[in-house]
Amino acid sequence: DKDGIQDGTELGVNGVTVQLKNAAGIVLQTTVTANGPTGAGYY
């Protein structure tokens, strides 16, 4: 519903690339969202 709130019926999205950067913006690690303890979209 594009309200910016993670409602209980809204599902996670797998396969999204997520990067961890330091304060200077240098990429330290990269992962991809997958199924986690409570459902999809976990990183």
PDB file of all heavy atoms in Angstrom:
ATOM      1  N   ASP A   1       0.808  -1.222   0.000  1.00  0.00           N
ATOM      2  CA  ASP A   1       0.000   0.000   0.000  1.00  0.00           C
ATOM      3  C   ASP A   1       0.841   1.271   0.000  1.00  0.00           C
ATOM      4  O   ASP A   1       0.310   2.368   0.132  1.00  0.00           O
ATOM      5  CB  ASP A   1      -0.963   0.013   1.179  1.00  0.00           C
ATOM      6  CG  ASP A   1      -0.264  -0.211   2.514  1.00  0.00           C
ATOM      7  OD1 ASP A   1       0.977  -0.272   2.535  1.00  0.00           O
ATOM      8  OD2 ASP A   1      -0.963  -0.333   3.533  1.00  0.00           O
ATOM      9  N   LYS A   2       2.161   1.118  -0.092  1.00  0.00           N
ATOM     10  CA  LYS A   2       3.077   2.258  -0.175  1.00  0.00           C
ATOM     11  C   LYS A   2       2.878   3.246   0.978  1.00  0.00           C
ATOM     12  O   LYS A   2       2.943   4.456   0.792  1.00  0.00           O
ATOM     13  CB  LYS A   2       2.908   2.971  -1.517  1.00  0.00           C
ATOM     14  CG  LYS A   2       4.084   3.890  -1.880  1.00  0.00           C
ATOM     15  CD  LYS A   2       3.685   4.902  -2.922  1.00  0.00           C
ATOM     16  CE  LYS A   2       4.695   6.036  -3.001  1.00  0.00           C
ATOM     17  NZ  LYS A   2       4.198   7.181  -3.757  1.00  0.00           N
ATOM     18  N   ASP A   3       2.659   2.711   2.188  1.00  0.00           N
ATOM     19  CA  ASP A   3       2.516   3.596   3.344  1.00  0.00           C
ATOM     20  C   ASP A   3       3.782   3.666   4.179  1.00  0.00           C
ATOM     21  O   ASP A   3       3.825   4.349   5.204  1.00  0.00           O
ATOM     22  CB  ASP A   3       1.338   3.168   4.221  1.00  0.00           C
ATOM     23  CG  ASP A   3       1.537   1.798   4.859  1.00  0.00           C
ATOM     24  OD1 ASP A   3       2.498   1.089   4.486  1.00  0.00           O
ATOM     25  OD2 ASP A   3       0.716   1.418   5.705  1.00  0.00           O
ATOM     26  N   GLY A   4       4.840   2.942   3.747  1.00  0.00           N
ATOM     27  CA  GLY A   4       6.099   2.978   4.475  1.00  0.00           C
ATOM     28  C   GLY A   4       6.111   2.183   5.758  1.00  0.00           C
ATOM     29  O   GLY A   4       7.054   2.286   6.541  1.00  0.00           O
ATOM     30  N   ILE A   5       5.081   1.362   5.975  1.00  0.00           N
ATOM     31  CA  ILE A   5       4.976   0.562   7.202  1.00  0.00           C
ATOM     32  C   ILE A   5       4.948  -0.912   6.821  1.00  0.00           C
ATOM     33  O   ILE A   5       4.210  -1.317   5.925  1.00  0.00           O
ATOM     34  CB  ILE A   5       3.715   0.932   8.002  1.00  0.00           C
ATOM     35  CG1 ILE A   5       3.754   2.407   8.399  1.00  0.00           C
ATOM     36  CG2 ILE A   5       3.577   0.047   9.237  1.00  0.00           C
ATOM     37  CD1 ILE A   5       2.471   2.907   9.025  1.00  0.00           C
ATOM     38  N   GLN A   6       5.718  -1.716   7.516  1.00  0.00           N
ATOM     39  CA  GLN A   6       5.775  -3.146   7.244  1.00  0.00           C
ATOM     40  C   GLN A   6       4.581  -3.823   7.901  1.00  0.00           C
ATOM     41  O   GLN A   6       4.632  -4.272   9.039  1.00  0.00           O
ATOM     42  CB  GLN A   6       7.094  -3.724   7.777  1.00  0.00           C
ATOM     43  CG  GLN A   6       7.353  -5.164   7.377  1.00  0.00           C
ATOM     44  CD  GLN A   6       8.728  -5.621   7.800  1.00  0.00           C
ATOM     45  OE1 GLN A   6       9.524  -4.830   8.270  1.00  0.00           O
ATOM     46  NE2 GLN A   6       9.015  -6.897   7.632  1.00  0.00           N
ATOM     47  N   ASP A   7       3.465  -3.899   7.151  1.00  0.00           N
ATOM     48  CA  ASP A   7       2.243  -4.508   7.675  1.00  0.00           C
ATOM     49  C   ASP A   7       2.396  -6.024   7.754  1.00  0.00           C
ATOM     50  O   ASP A   7       3.197  -6.626   7.029  1.00  0.00           O
ATOM     51  CB  ASP A   7       1.056  -4.144   6.783  1.00  0.00           C
ATOM     52  CG  ASP A   7       0.878  -2.634   6.645  1.00  0.00           C
ATOM     53  OD1 ASP A   7       0.951  -1.944   7.670  1.00  0.00           O
ATOM     54  OD2 ASP A   7       0.670  -2.161   5.515  1.00  0.00           O
ATOM     55  N   GLY A   8       1.585  -6.624   8.600  1.00  0.00           N
ATOM     56  CA  GLY A   8       1.715  -8.064   8.836  1.00  0.00           C
ATOM     57  C   GLY A   8       1.437  -8.915   7.621  1.00  0.00           C
ATOM     58  O   GLY A   8       1.937 -10.033   7.510  1.00  0.00           O
ATOM     59  N   THR A   9       0.646  -8.412   6.675  1.00  0.00           N
ATOM     60  CA  THR A   9       0.297  -9.195   5.489  1.00  0.00           C
ATOM     61  C   THR A   9       1.267  -8.978   4.331  1.00  0.00           C
ATOM     62  O   THR A   9       1.158  -9.646   3.305  1.00  0.00           O
ATOM     63  CB  THR A   9      -1.114  -8.832   5.016  1.00  0.00           C
ATOM     64  OG1 THR A   9      -1.174  -7.417   4.757  1.00  0.00           O
ATOM     65  CG2 THR A   9      -2.148  -9.187   6.073  1.00  0.00           C
ATOM     66  N   GLU A  10       2.189  -8.037   4.483  1.00  0.00           N
ATOM     67  CA  GLU A  10       3.127  -7.740   3.400  1.00  0.00           C
ATOM     68  C   GLU A  10       4.348  -8.658   3.492  1.00  0.00           C
ATOM     69  O   GLU A  10       4.895  -8.874   4.573  1.00  0.00           O
ATOM     70  CB  GLU A  10       3.538  -6.266   3.457  1.00  0.00           C
ATOM     71  CG  GLU A  10       2.346  -5.353   3.160  1.00  0.00           C
ATOM     72  CD  GLU A  10       2.648  -3.885   3.350  1.00  0.00           C
ATOM     73  OE1 GLU A  10       3.603  -3.551   4.078  1.00  0.00           O
ATOM     74  OE2 GLU A  10       1.915  -3.058   2.780  1.00  0.00           O
ATOM     75  N   LEU A  11       4.753  -9.179   2.347  1.00  0.00           N
ATOM     76  CA  LEU A  11       5.757 -10.236   2.307  1.00  0.00           C
ATOM     77  C   LEU A  11       7.136  -9.706   1.946  1.00  0.00           C
ATOM     78  O   LEU A  11       7.286  -8.694   1.262  1.00  0.00           O
ATOM     79  CB  LEU A  11       5.340 -11.296   1.286  1.00  0.00           C
ATOM     80  CG  LEU A  11       3.969 -11.944   1.521  1.00  0.00           C
ATOM     81  CD1 LEU A  11       3.656 -12.948   0.417  1.00  0.00           C
ATOM     82  CD2 LEU A  11       3.903 -12.598   2.887  1.00  0.00           C
ATOM     83  N   GLY A  12       8.148 -10.440   2.392  1.00  0.00           N
ATOM     84  CA  GLY A  12       9.521 -10.120   2.055  1.00  0.00           C
ATOM     85  C   GLY A  12       9.829 -10.436   0.608  1.00  0.00           C
ATOM     86  O   GLY A  12       9.133 -11.219  -0.050  1.00  0.00           O
ATOM     87  N   VAL A  13      10.906  -9.822   0.109  1.00  0.00           N
ATOM     88  CA  VAL A  13      11.327 -10.007  -1.280  1.00  0.00           C
ATOM     89  C   VAL A  13      12.726 -10.614  -1.290  1.00  0.00           C
ATOM     90  O   VAL A  13      13.688 -10.007  -0.808  1.00  0.00           O
ATOM     91  CB  VAL A  13      11.348  -8.673  -2.046  1.00  0.00           C
ATOM     92  CG1 VAL A  13      11.753  -8.900  -3.500  1.00  0.00           C
ATOM     93  CG2 VAL A  13       9.990  -7.987  -1.956  1.00  0.00           C
ATOM     94  N   ASN A  14      12.842 -11.814  -1.823  1.00  0.00           N
ATOM     95  CA  ASN A  14      14.143 -12.466  -1.960  1.00  0.00           C
ATOM     96  C   ASN A  14      14.886 -11.964  -3.197  1.00  0.00           C
ATOM     97  O   ASN A  14      14.285 -11.422  -4.122  1.00  0.00           O
ATOM     98  CB  ASN A  14      13.978 -13.981  -2.052  1.00  0.00           C
ATOM     99  CG  ASN A  14      13.632 -14.605  -0.716  1.00  0.00           C
ATOM    100  OD1 ASN A  14      13.795 -13.988   0.327  1.00  0.00           O
ATOM    101  ND2 ASN A  14      13.149 -15.842  -0.743  1.00  0.00           N
ATOM    102  N   GLY A  15      16.193 -12.163  -3.206  1.00  0.00           N
ATOM    103  CA  GLY A  15      16.994 -11.858  -4.385  1.00  0.00           C
ATOM    104  C   GLY A  15      17.428 -10.417  -4.514  1.00  0.00           C
ATOM    105  O   GLY A  15      17.966 -10.031  -5.564  1.00  0.00           O
ATOM    106  N   VAL A  16      17.222  -9.601  -3.468  1.00  0.00           N
ATOM    107  CA  VAL A  16      17.636  -8.195  -3.516  1.00  0.00           C
ATOM    108  C   VAL A  16      19.081  -8.084  -3.026  1.00  0.00           C
ATOM    109  O   VAL A  16      19.415  -8.579  -1.943  1.00  0.00           O
ATOM    110  CB  VAL A  16      16.715  -7.318  -2.659  1.00  0.00           C
ATOM    111  CG1 VAL A  16      17.192  -5.859  -2.677  1.00  0.00           C
ATOM    112  CG2 VAL A  16      15.270  -7.420  -3.147  1.00  0.00           C
ATOM    113  N   THR A  17      19.908  -7.415  -3.791  1.00  0.00           N
ATOM    114  CA  THR A  17      21.313  -7.225  -3.413  1.00  0.00           C
ATOM    115  C   THR A  17      21.425  -6.154  -2.324  1.00  0.00           C
ATOM    116  O   THR A  17      20.842  -5.071  -2.433  1.00  0.00           O
ATOM    117  CB  THR A  17      22.138  -6.812  -4.628  1.00  0.00           C
ATOM    118  OG1 THR A  17      22.094  -7.866  -5.602  1.00  0.00           O
ATOM    119  CG2 THR A  17      23.598  -6.557  -4.237  1.00  0.00           C
ATOM    120  N   VAL A  18      22.182  -6.479  -1.256  1.00  0.00           N
ATOM    121  CA  VAL A  18      22.391  -5.558  -0.138  1.00  0.00           C
ATOM    122  C   VAL A  18      23.899  -5.432   0.095  1.00  0.00           C
ATOM    123  O   VAL A  18      24.613  -6.431   0.162  1.00  0.00           O
ATOM    124  CB  VAL A  18      21.695  -6.064   1.141  1.00  0.00           C
ATOM    125  CG1 VAL A  18      21.789  -5.002   2.246  1.00  0.00           C
ATOM    126  CG2 VAL A  18      20.247  -6.431   0.870  1.00  0.00           C
ATOM    127  N   GLN A  19      24.352  -4.192   0.215  1.00  0.00           N
ATOM    128  CA  GLN A  19      25.787  -3.940   0.415  1.00  0.00           C
ATOM    129  C   GLN A  19      26.029  -3.311   1.788  1.00  0.00           C
ATOM    130  O   GLN A  19      25.245  -2.461   2.239  1.00  0.00           O
ATOM    131  CB  GLN A  19      26.312  -2.980  -0.659  1.00  0.00           C
ATOM    132  CG  GLN A  19      26.193  -3.497  -2.081  1.00  0.00           C
ATOM    133  CD  GLN A  19      26.488  -2.412  -3.112  1.00  0.00           C
ATOM    134  OE1 GLN A  19      26.329  -1.234  -2.831  1.00  0.00           O
ATOM    135  NE2 GLN A  19      26.923  -2.834  -4.292  1.00  0.00           N
ATOM    136  N   LEU A  20      27.088  -3.733   2.429  1.00  0.00           N
ATOM    137  CA  LEU A  20      27.540  -3.108   3.670  1.00  0.00           C
ATOM    138  C   LEU A  20      28.742  -2.225   3.348  1.00  0.00           C
ATOM    139  O   LEU A  20      29.715  -2.681   2.752  1.00  0.00           O
ATOM    140  CB  LEU A  20      27.944  -4.167   4.701  1.00  0.00           C
ATOM    141  CG  LEU A  20      28.414  -3.612   6.054  1.00  0.00           C
ATOM    142  CD1 LEU A  20      27.245  -3.033   6.834  1.00  0.00           C
ATOM    143  CD2 LEU A  20      29.113  -4.707   6.871  1.00  0.00           C
ATOM    144  N   LYS A  21      28.642  -0.955   3.743  1.00  0.00           N
ATOM    145  CA  LYS A  21      29.715  -0.004   3.460  1.00  0.00           C
ATOM    146  C   LYS A  21      30.212   0.617   4.756  1.00  0.00           C
ATOM    147  O   LYS A  21      29.494   0.668   5.760  1.00  0.00           O
ATOM    148  CB  LYS A  21      29.210   1.107   2.534  1.00  0.00           C
ATOM    149  CG  LYS A  21      28.698   0.647   1.181  1.00  0.00           C
ATOM    150  CD  LYS A  21      28.160   1.803   0.362  1.00  0.00           C
ATOM    151  CE  LYS A  21      27.649   1.369  -1.007  1.00  0.00           C
ATOM    152  NZ  LYS A  21      27.105   2.502  -1.787  1.00  0.00           N
ATOM    153  N   ASN A  22      31.451   1.103   4.708  1.00  0.00           N
ATOM    154  CA  ASN A  22      31.946   1.872   5.851  1.00  0.00           C
ATOM    155  C   ASN A  22      31.477   3.316   5.723  1.00  0.00           C
ATOM    156  O   ASN A  22      30.773   3.680   4.748  1.00  0.00           O
ATOM    157  CB  ASN A  22      33.464   1.765   5.989  1.00  0.00           C
ATOM    158  CG  ASN A  22      34.191   2.328   4.772  1.00  0.00           C
ATOM    159  OD1 ASN A  22      33.639   3.091   3.984  1.00  0.00           O
ATOM    160  ND2 ASN A  22      35.461   1.943   4.633  1.00  0.00           N
ATOM    161  N   ALA A  23      31.883   4.159   6.662  1.00  0.00           N
ATOM    162  CA  ALA A  23      31.409   5.542   6.669  1.00  0.00           C
ATOM    163  C   ALA A  23      31.861   6.310   5.438  1.00  0.00           C
ATOM    164  O   ALA A  23      31.235   7.312   5.052  1.00  0.00           O
ATOM    165  CB  ALA A  23      31.871   6.244   7.937  1.00  0.00           C
ATOM    166  N   ALA A  24      32.937   5.861   4.799  1.00  0.00           N
ATOM    167  CA  ALA A  24      33.430   6.530   3.606  1.00  0.00           C
ATOM    168  C   ALA A  24      32.756   6.034   2.335  1.00  0.00           C
ATOM    169  O   ALA A  24      33.061   6.507   1.238  1.00  0.00           O
ATOM    170  CB  ALA A  24      34.937   6.341   3.491  1.00  0.00           C
ATOM    171  N   GLY A  25      31.846   5.047   2.463  1.00  0.00           N
ATOM    172  CA  GLY A  25      31.127   4.535   1.308  1.00  0.00           C
ATOM    173  C   GLY A  25      31.806   3.403   0.593  1.00  0.00           C
ATOM    174  O   GLY A  25      31.365   3.012  -0.502  1.00  0.00           O
ATOM    175  N   ILE A  26      32.855   2.832   1.165  1.00  0.00           N
ATOM    176  CA  ILE A  26      33.545   1.702   0.547  1.00  0.00           C
ATOM    177  C   ILE A  26      32.783   0.413   0.874  1.00  0.00           C
ATOM    178  O   ILE A  26      32.439   0.153   2.034  1.00  0.00           O
ATOM    179  CB  ILE A  26      34.989   1.606   1.054  1.00  0.00           C
ATOM    180  CG1 ILE A  26      35.761   2.863   0.639  1.00  0.00           C
ATOM    181  CG2 ILE A  26      35.675   0.354   0.515  1.00  0.00           C
ATOM    182  CD1 ILE A  26      37.136   2.959   1.253  1.00  0.00           C
ATOM    183  N   VAL A  27      32.518  -0.405  -0.151  1.00  0.00           N
ATOM    184  CA  VAL A  27      31.779  -1.646   0.041  1.00  0.00           C
ATOM    185  C   VAL A  27      32.657  -2.661   0.760  1.00  0.00           C
ATOM    186  O   VAL A  27      33.758  -2.992   0.306  1.00  0.00           O
ATOM    187  CB  VAL A  27      31.296  -2.221  -1.312  1.00  0.00           C
ATOM    188  CG1 VAL A  27      30.589  -3.561  -1.090  1.00  0.00           C
ATOM    189  CG2 VAL A  27      30.379  -1.237  -2.018  1.00  0.00           C
ATOM    190  N   LEU A  28      32.149  -3.146   1.902  1.00  0.00           N
ATOM    191  CA  LEU A  28      32.880  -4.123   2.701  1.00  0.00           C
ATOM    192  C   LEU A  28      32.375  -5.538   2.479  1.00  0.00           C
ATOM    193  O   LEU A  28      33.159  -6.492   2.449  1.00  0.00           O
ATOM    194  CB  LEU A  28      32.755  -3.767   4.187  1.00  0.00           C
ATOM    195  CG  LEU A  28      33.171  -2.353   4.588  1.00  0.00           C
ATOM    196  CD1 LEU A  28      32.867  -2.110   6.057  1.00  0.00           C
ATOM    197  CD2 LEU A  28      34.648  -2.122   4.284  1.00  0.00           C
ATOM    198  N   GLN A  29      31.074  -5.687   2.365  1.00  0.00           N
ATOM    199  CA  GLN A  29      30.459  -7.003   2.149  1.00  0.00           C
ATOM    200  C   GLN A  29      29.231  -6.820   1.256  1.00  0.00           C
ATOM    201  O   GLN A  29      28.628  -5.738   1.204  1.00  0.00           O
ATOM    202  CB  GLN A  29      30.007  -7.642   3.474  1.00  0.00           C
ATOM    203  CG  GLN A  29      31.085  -7.981   4.475  1.00  0.00           C
ATOM    204  CD  GLN A  29      30.499  -8.694   5.692  1.00  0.00           C
ATOM    205  OE1 GLN A  29      29.642  -9.584   5.568  1.00  0.00           O
ATOM    206  NE2 GLN A  29      30.962  -8.294   6.870  1.00  0.00           N
ATOM    207  N   THR A  30      28.858  -7.907   0.579  1.00  0.00           N
ATOM    208  CA  THR A  30      27.634  -7.925  -0.238  1.00  0.00           C
ATOM    209  C   THR A  30      26.888  -9.216   0.041  1.00  0.00           C
ATOM    210  O   THR A  30      27.513 -10.288   0.152  1.00  0.00           O
ATOM    211  CB  THR A  30      27.959  -7.819  -1.737  1.00  0.00           C
ATOM    212  OG1 THR A  30      28.632  -6.583  -1.989  1.00  0.00           O
ATOM    213  CG2 THR A  30      26.688  -7.862  -2.574  1.00  0.00           C
ATOM    214  N   THR A  31      25.558  -9.132   0.144  1.00  0.00           N
ATOM    215  CA  THR A  31      24.736 -10.321   0.327  1.00  0.00           C
ATOM    216  C   THR A  31      23.468 -10.167  -0.513  1.00  0.00           C
ATOM    217  O   THR A  31      23.250  -9.142  -1.166  1.00  0.00           O
ATOM    218  CB  THR A  31      24.382 -10.541   1.811  1.00  0.00           C
ATOM    219  OG1 THR A  31      23.756 -11.824   1.959  1.00  0.00           O
ATOM    220  CG2 THR A  31      23.454  -9.451   2.328  1.00  0.00           C
ATOM    221  N   VAL A  32      22.642 -11.190  -0.494  1.00  0.00           N
ATOM    222  CA  VAL A  32      21.376 -11.182  -1.241  1.00  0.00           C
ATOM    223  C   VAL A  32      20.282 -11.658  -0.301  1.00  0.00           C
ATOM    224  O   VAL A  32      20.471 -12.645   0.435  1.00  0.00           O
ATOM    225  CB  VAL A  32      21.455 -12.092  -2.492  1.00  0.00           C
ATOM    226  CG1 VAL A  32      20.111 -12.135  -3.204  1.00  0.00           C
ATOM    227  CG2 VAL A  32      22.537 -11.600  -3.441  1.00  0.00           C
ATOM    228  N   THR A  33      19.144 -10.976  -0.297  1.00  0.00           N
ATOM    229  CA  THR A  33      18.049 -11.369   0.596  1.00  0.00           C
ATOM    230  C   THR A  33      17.556 -12.769   0.251  1.00  0.00           C
ATOM    231  O   THR A  33      17.500 -13.169  -0.908  1.00  0.00           O
ATOM    232  CB  THR A  33      16.880 -10.372   0.517  1.00  0.00           C
ATOM    233  OG1 THR A  33      16.416 -10.282  -0.836  1.00  0.00           O
ATOM    234  CG2 THR A  33      17.288  -9.003   1.020  1.00  0.00           C
ATOM    235  N   ALA A  34      17.185 -13.506   1.313  1.00  0.00           N
ATOM    236  CA  ALA A  34      16.730 -14.889   1.167  1.00  0.00           C
ATOM    237  C   ALA A  34      15.779 -15.203   2.313  1.00  0.00           C
ATOM    238  O   ALA A  34      15.477 -14.341   3.147  1.00  0.00           O
ATOM    239  CB  ALA A  34      17.928 -15.839   1.173  1.00  0.00           C
ATOM    240  N   ASN A  35      15.296 -16.432   2.360  1.00  0.00           N
ATOM    241  CA  ASN A  35      14.423 -16.835   3.461  1.00  0.00           C
ATOM    242  C   ASN A  35      15.187 -16.798   4.773  1.00  0.00           C
ATOM    243  O   ASN A  35      16.344 -17.241   4.861  1.00  0.00           O
ATOM    244  CB  ASN A  35      13.876 -18.245   3.229  1.00  0.00           C
ATOM    245  CG  ASN A  35      12.887 -18.296   2.090  1.00  0.00           C
ATOM    246  OD1 ASN A  35      12.259 -17.290   1.759  1.00  0.00           O
ATOM    247  ND2 ASN A  35      12.721 -19.464   1.489  1.00  0.00           N
ATOM    248  N   GLY A  36      14.521 -16.255   5.804  1.00  0.00           N
ATOM    249  CA  GLY A  36      15.139 -16.161   7.118  1.00  0.00           C
ATOM    250  C   GLY A  36      14.257 -16.765   8.187  1.00  0.00           C
ATOM    251  O   GLY A  36      13.325 -17.529   7.883  1.00  0.00           O
ATOM    252  N   PRO A  37      14.482 -16.416   9.428  1.00  0.00           N
ATOM    253  CA  PRO A  37      13.738 -17.030  10.537  1.00  0.00           C
ATOM    254  C   PRO A  37      12.225 -16.810  10.471  1.00  0.00           C
ATOM    255  O   PRO A  37      11.453 -17.644  10.923  1.00  0.00           O
ATOM    256  CB  PRO A  37      14.330 -16.349  11.777  1.00  0.00           C
ATOM    257  CG  PRO A  37      15.677 -15.870  11.345  1.00  0.00           C
ATOM    258  CD  PRO A  37      15.541 -15.511   9.910  1.00  0.00           C
ATOM    259  N   THR A  38      11.791 -15.667   9.899  1.00  0.00           N
ATOM    260  CA  THR A  38      10.352 -15.378   9.875  1.00  0.00           C
ATOM    261  C   THR A  38       9.805 -15.194   8.475  1.00  0.00           C
ATOM    262  O   THR A  38       8.676 -14.723   8.315  1.00  0.00           O
ATOM    263  CB  THR A  38      10.051 -14.100  10.697  1.00  0.00           C
ATOM    264  OG1 THR A  38      10.770 -13.003  10.124  1.00  0.00           O
ATOM    265  CG2 THR A  38      10.441 -14.281  12.148  1.00  0.00           C
ATOM    266  N   GLY A  39      10.585 -15.554   7.462  1.00  0.00           N
ATOM    267  CA  GLY A  39      10.058 -15.449   6.114  1.00  0.00           C
ATOM    268  C   GLY A  39      11.080 -14.936   5.123  1.00  0.00           C
ATOM    269  O   GLY A  39      12.284 -14.868   5.402  1.00  0.00           O
ATOM    270  N   ALA A  40      10.581 -14.561   3.930  1.00  0.00           N
ATOM    271  CA  ALA A  40      11.451 -14.116   2.848  1.00  0.00           C
ATOM    272  C   ALA A  40      11.961 -12.702   3.110  1.00  0.00           C
ATOM    273  O   ALA A  40      11.495 -11.987   3.999  1.00  0.00           O
ATOM    274  CB  ALA A  40      10.696 -14.164   1.525  1.00  0.00           C
ATOM    275  N   GLY A  41      12.959 -12.298   2.295  1.00  0.00           N
ATOM    276  CA  GLY A  41      13.477 -10.938   2.332  1.00  0.00           C
ATOM    277  C   GLY A  41      14.538 -10.681   3.375  1.00  0.00           C
ATOM    278  O   GLY A  41      14.930  -9.531   3.596  1.00  0.00           O
ATOM    279  N   TYR A  42      15.047 -11.714   4.011  1.00  0.00           N
ATOM    280  CA  TYR A  42      15.968 -11.583   5.151  1.00  0.00           C
ATOM    281  C   TYR A  42      17.401 -11.372   4.680  1.00  0.00           C
ATOM    282  O   TYR A  42      17.864 -11.952   3.702  1.00  0.00           O
ATOM    283  CB  TYR A  42      15.870 -12.860   5.981  1.00  0.00           C
ATOM    284  CG  TYR A  42      16.790 -12.977   7.159  1.00  0.00           C
ATOM    285  CD1 TYR A  42      16.524 -12.310   8.339  1.00  0.00           C
ATOM    286  CD2 TYR A  42      17.930 -13.795   7.101  1.00  0.00           C
ATOM    287  CE1 TYR A  42      17.360 -12.453   9.443  1.00  0.00           C
ATOM    288  CE2 TYR A  42      18.773 -13.942   8.194  1.00  0.00           C
ATOM    289  CZ  TYR A  42      18.480 -13.262   9.362  1.00  0.00           C
ATOM    290  OH  TYR A  42      19.298 -13.410  10.445  1.00  0.00           O
ATOM    291  N   TYR A  43      18.140 -10.495   5.363  1.00  0.00           N
ATOM    292  CA  TYR A  43      19.576 -10.352   5.136  1.00  0.00           C
ATOM    293  C   TYR A  43      20.260 -10.125   6.481  1.00  0.00           C
ATOM    294  O   TYR A  43      19.625  -9.696   7.464  1.00  0.00           O
ATOM    295  CB  TYR A  43      19.879  -9.183   4.185  1.00  0.00           C
ATOM    296  CG  TYR A  43      19.850  -7.840   4.861  1.00  0.00           C
ATOM    297  CD1 TYR A  43      21.017  -7.266   5.361  1.00  0.00           C
ATOM    298  CD2 TYR A  43      18.653  -7.147   5.046  1.00  0.00           C
ATOM    299  CE1 TYR A  43      20.996  -6.033   6.008  1.00  0.00           C
ATOM    300  CE2 TYR A  43      18.627  -5.920   5.685  1.00  0.00           C
ATOM    301  CZ  TYR A  43      19.791  -5.372   6.172  1.00  0.00           C
ATOM    302  OH  TYR A  43      19.763  -4.169   6.827  1.00  0.00           O
TER     303      TYR A  43
END
